[in-house]
Amino acid sequence: YGIGTAHDEKKAARLFRKATKQGLAAGQYSLAQCFEHGAGVVQDAEEAVKLYTQAAKQGLAEAQLAIGDYYAQGTGALAKNDEEAAQLYRQAAEQGDMHGQNALAKCFERGAGVAQDAEEAVKHYRHAAEQGFAAAQYSLAQC
């Protein structure tokens, strides 16, 4: 909350909560970020994971990527699970999300959660690089 008004994280969190109660994926994602970072609410990794998961199940690519990162790193309220991370990255990548494409490419490059496959890694790096994602462009140059 703050476009055209004073910055107020608590008010933003309240508004995101209202959107979440109505089932809005973007509201769930935004409220999850509040809980992840302690912005306007008490920091709570478990609540962040719950909200990211709800938004991811609705198909929000940003949430799929976020919850995938939790699984890939084994942080917060989730144990490390490379297979689950790769699946979530794939869901984001299939929507054309360049961050998801790049994350999935890394999975294929390293064999994390999927069979190691350099051709698949290059394919996904290329998709992200074509959208102007600098990290993917760099990785593609390394392949």
Protein backbone atom coordinates (compact mmCIF):
# COMPACT_ATOMS: atom_id res chain seq x y z
CA TYR A 1 0.00 0.00 0.00
CA GLY A 2 1.54 3.27 -0.95
CA ILE A 3 0.87 4.28 -4.57
CA GLY A 4 -0.50 7.78 -4.21
CA THR A 5 -0.67 7.39 -0.42
CA ALA A 6 1.69 7.10 2.51
CA HIS A 7 3.56 3.77 2.63
CA ASP A 8 1.77 1.55 5.15
CA GLU A 9 2.78 -2.14 5.25
CA LYS A 10 0.18 -3.04 7.87
CA LYS A 11 -2.63 -1.61 5.78
CA ALA A 12 -1.29 -3.37 2.70
CA ALA A 13 -1.23 -6.69 4.58
CA ARG A 14 -4.84 -6.13 5.70
CA LEU A 15 -5.91 -5.47 2.11
CA PHE A 16 -3.99 -8.48 0.82
CA ARG A 17 -5.71 -10.57 3.50
CA LYS A 18 -9.13 -9.40 2.24
CA ALA A 19 -8.16 -10.36 -1.31
CA THR A 20 -6.90 -13.72 -0.03
CA LYS A 21 -10.21 -14.44 1.71
CA GLN A 22 -11.88 -13.97 -1.68
CA GLY A 23 -9.53 -16.54 -3.21
CA LEU A 24 -7.49 -14.12 -5.33
CA ALA A 25 -4.16 -15.77 -6.21
CA ALA A 26 -2.35 -12.43 -6.48
CA GLY A 27 -3.59 -11.54 -2.99
CA GLN A 28 -2.37 -14.87 -1.63
CA TYR A 29 1.02 -14.33 -3.23
CA SER A 30 1.33 -10.77 -1.93
CA LEU A 31 0.28 -11.75 1.58
CA ALA A 32 2.77 -14.65 1.45
CA GLN A 33 5.50 -12.14 0.67
CA CYS A 34 4.42 -10.10 3.68
CA PHE A 35 4.72 -13.16 5.93
CA GLU A 36 8.00 -14.23 4.35
CA HIS A 37 9.62 -10.85 4.97
CA GLY A 38 7.69 -9.65 8.03
CA ALA A 39 6.21 -6.69 6.17
CA GLY A 40 3.16 -5.44 8.06
CA VAL A 41 2.76 -8.79 9.84
CA VAL A 42 4.86 -10.96 12.13
CA GLN A 43 7.29 -12.98 10.01
CA ASP A 44 5.98 -16.54 9.62
CA ALA A 45 7.57 -18.93 7.12
CA GLU A 46 4.87 -21.56 7.58
CA GLU A 47 2.11 -19.09 6.75
CA ALA A 48 4.10 -17.85 3.75
CA VAL A 49 4.45 -21.41 2.44
CA LYS A 50 0.73 -22.07 2.94
CA LEU A 51 -0.23 -18.93 0.99
CA TYR A 52 2.34 -19.45 -1.77
CA THR A 53 1.02 -23.00 -2.15
CA GLN A 54 -2.57 -21.78 -2.46
CA ALA A 55 -1.57 -19.28 -5.15
CA ALA A 56 0.59 -21.86 -6.94
CA LYS A 57 -2.33 -24.31 -7.08
CA GLN A 58 -4.31 -21.59 -8.84
CA GLY A 59 -1.59 -21.39 -11.47
CA LEU A 60 0.19 -18.18 -10.47
CA ALA A 61 3.68 -18.57 -11.95
CA GLU A 62 5.33 -16.28 -9.39
CA ALA A 63 3.97 -18.43 -6.57
CA GLN A 64 5.02 -21.65 -8.31
CA LEU A 65 8.53 -20.25 -8.53
CA ALA A 66 8.52 -19.09 -4.91
CA ILE A 67 7.34 -22.41 -3.48
CA GLY A 68 9.71 -24.21 -5.84
CA ASP A 69 12.56 -22.21 -4.32
CA TYR A 70 11.46 -23.27 -0.83
CA TYR A 71 11.61 -26.92 -1.92
CA ALA A 72 14.91 -26.49 -3.77
CA GLN A 73 16.58 -24.88 -0.78
CA GLY A 74 14.85 -26.85 1.96
CA THR A 75 14.14 -23.66 3.85
CA GLY A 76 11.23 -22.35 5.81
CA ALA A 77 8.56 -24.89 6.57
CA LEU A 78 9.52 -27.33 3.79
CA ALA A 79 12.11 -30.07 3.59
CA LYS A 80 14.37 -30.12 0.55
CA ASN A 81 12.65 -31.88 -2.35
CA ASP A 82 14.29 -31.40 -5.75
CA GLU A 83 11.58 -33.35 -7.60
CA GLU A 84 8.83 -31.11 -6.25
CA ALA A 85 10.90 -28.00 -7.00
CA ALA A 86 11.49 -29.10 -10.59
CA GLN A 87 7.78 -29.81 -11.07
CA LEU A 88 6.82 -26.36 -9.81
CA TYR A 89 9.49 -24.71 -11.96
CA ARG A 90 8.12 -26.65 -14.94
CA GLN A 91 4.62 -25.33 -14.26
CA ALA A 92 5.91 -21.75 -14.21
CA ALA A 93 8.09 -22.36 -17.29
CA GLU A 94 5.15 -23.77 -19.25
CA GLN A 95 3.38 -20.44 -18.71
CA GLY A 96 6.32 -18.66 -20.32
CA ASP A 97 7.74 -17.33 -17.05
CA MET A 98 11.42 -16.60 -17.72
CA HIS A 99 12.39 -17.13 -14.08
CA GLY A 100 10.71 -20.53 -14.12
CA GLN A 101 12.40 -21.40 -17.41
CA ASN A 102 15.78 -20.44 -15.99
CA ALA A 103 15.19 -22.40 -12.76
CA LEU A 104 14.06 -25.47 -14.71
CA ALA A 105 17.12 -25.19 -16.96
CA LYS A 106 19.33 -25.26 -13.85
CA CYS A 107 17.53 -28.41 -12.70
CA PHE A 108 18.29 -30.10 -16.02
CA GLU A 109 21.87 -28.84 -16.02
CA ARG A 110 22.53 -30.22 -12.52
CA GLY A 111 20.22 -33.23 -12.55
CA ALA A 112 18.28 -31.82 -9.59
CA GLY A 113 14.85 -33.41 -9.44
CA VAL A 114 15.03 -34.46 -13.10
CA ALA A 115 17.43 -36.55 -15.14
CA GLN A 116 20.48 -34.52 -16.07
CA ASP A 117 20.02 -33.42 -19.69
CA ALA A 118 22.19 -30.75 -21.30
CA GLU A 119 19.89 -30.40 -24.33
CA GLU A 120 16.86 -29.72 -22.13
CA ALA A 121 18.90 -27.25 -20.07
CA VAL A 122 19.92 -25.35 -23.22
CA LYS A 123 16.33 -25.36 -24.49
CA HIS A 124 14.98 -23.78 -21.30
CA TYR A 125 17.91 -21.35 -20.95
CA ARG A 126 17.23 -20.29 -24.54
CA HIS A 127 13.53 -19.63 -23.84
CA ALA A 128 14.43 -17.42 -20.87
CA ALA A 129 17.31 -15.73 -22.72
CA GLU A 130 15.03 -14.85 -25.63
CA GLN A 131 12.91 -12.89 -23.16
CA GLY A 132 15.96 -10.87 -22.16
CA PHE A 133 16.75 -12.66 -18.88
CA ALA A 134 20.42 -11.85 -18.30
CA ALA A 135 21.18 -14.82 -16.03
CA ALA A 136 19.87 -17.21 -18.69
CA GLN A 137 21.87 -15.44 -21.37
CA TYR A 138 25.00 -15.86 -19.28
CA SER A 139 24.24 -19.54 -18.58
CA LEU A 140 23.52 -20.16 -22.25
CA ALA A 141 26.91 -18.68 -23.16
CA GLN A 142 28.51 -21.14 -20.70
CA CYS A 143 26.83 -24.23 -22.24
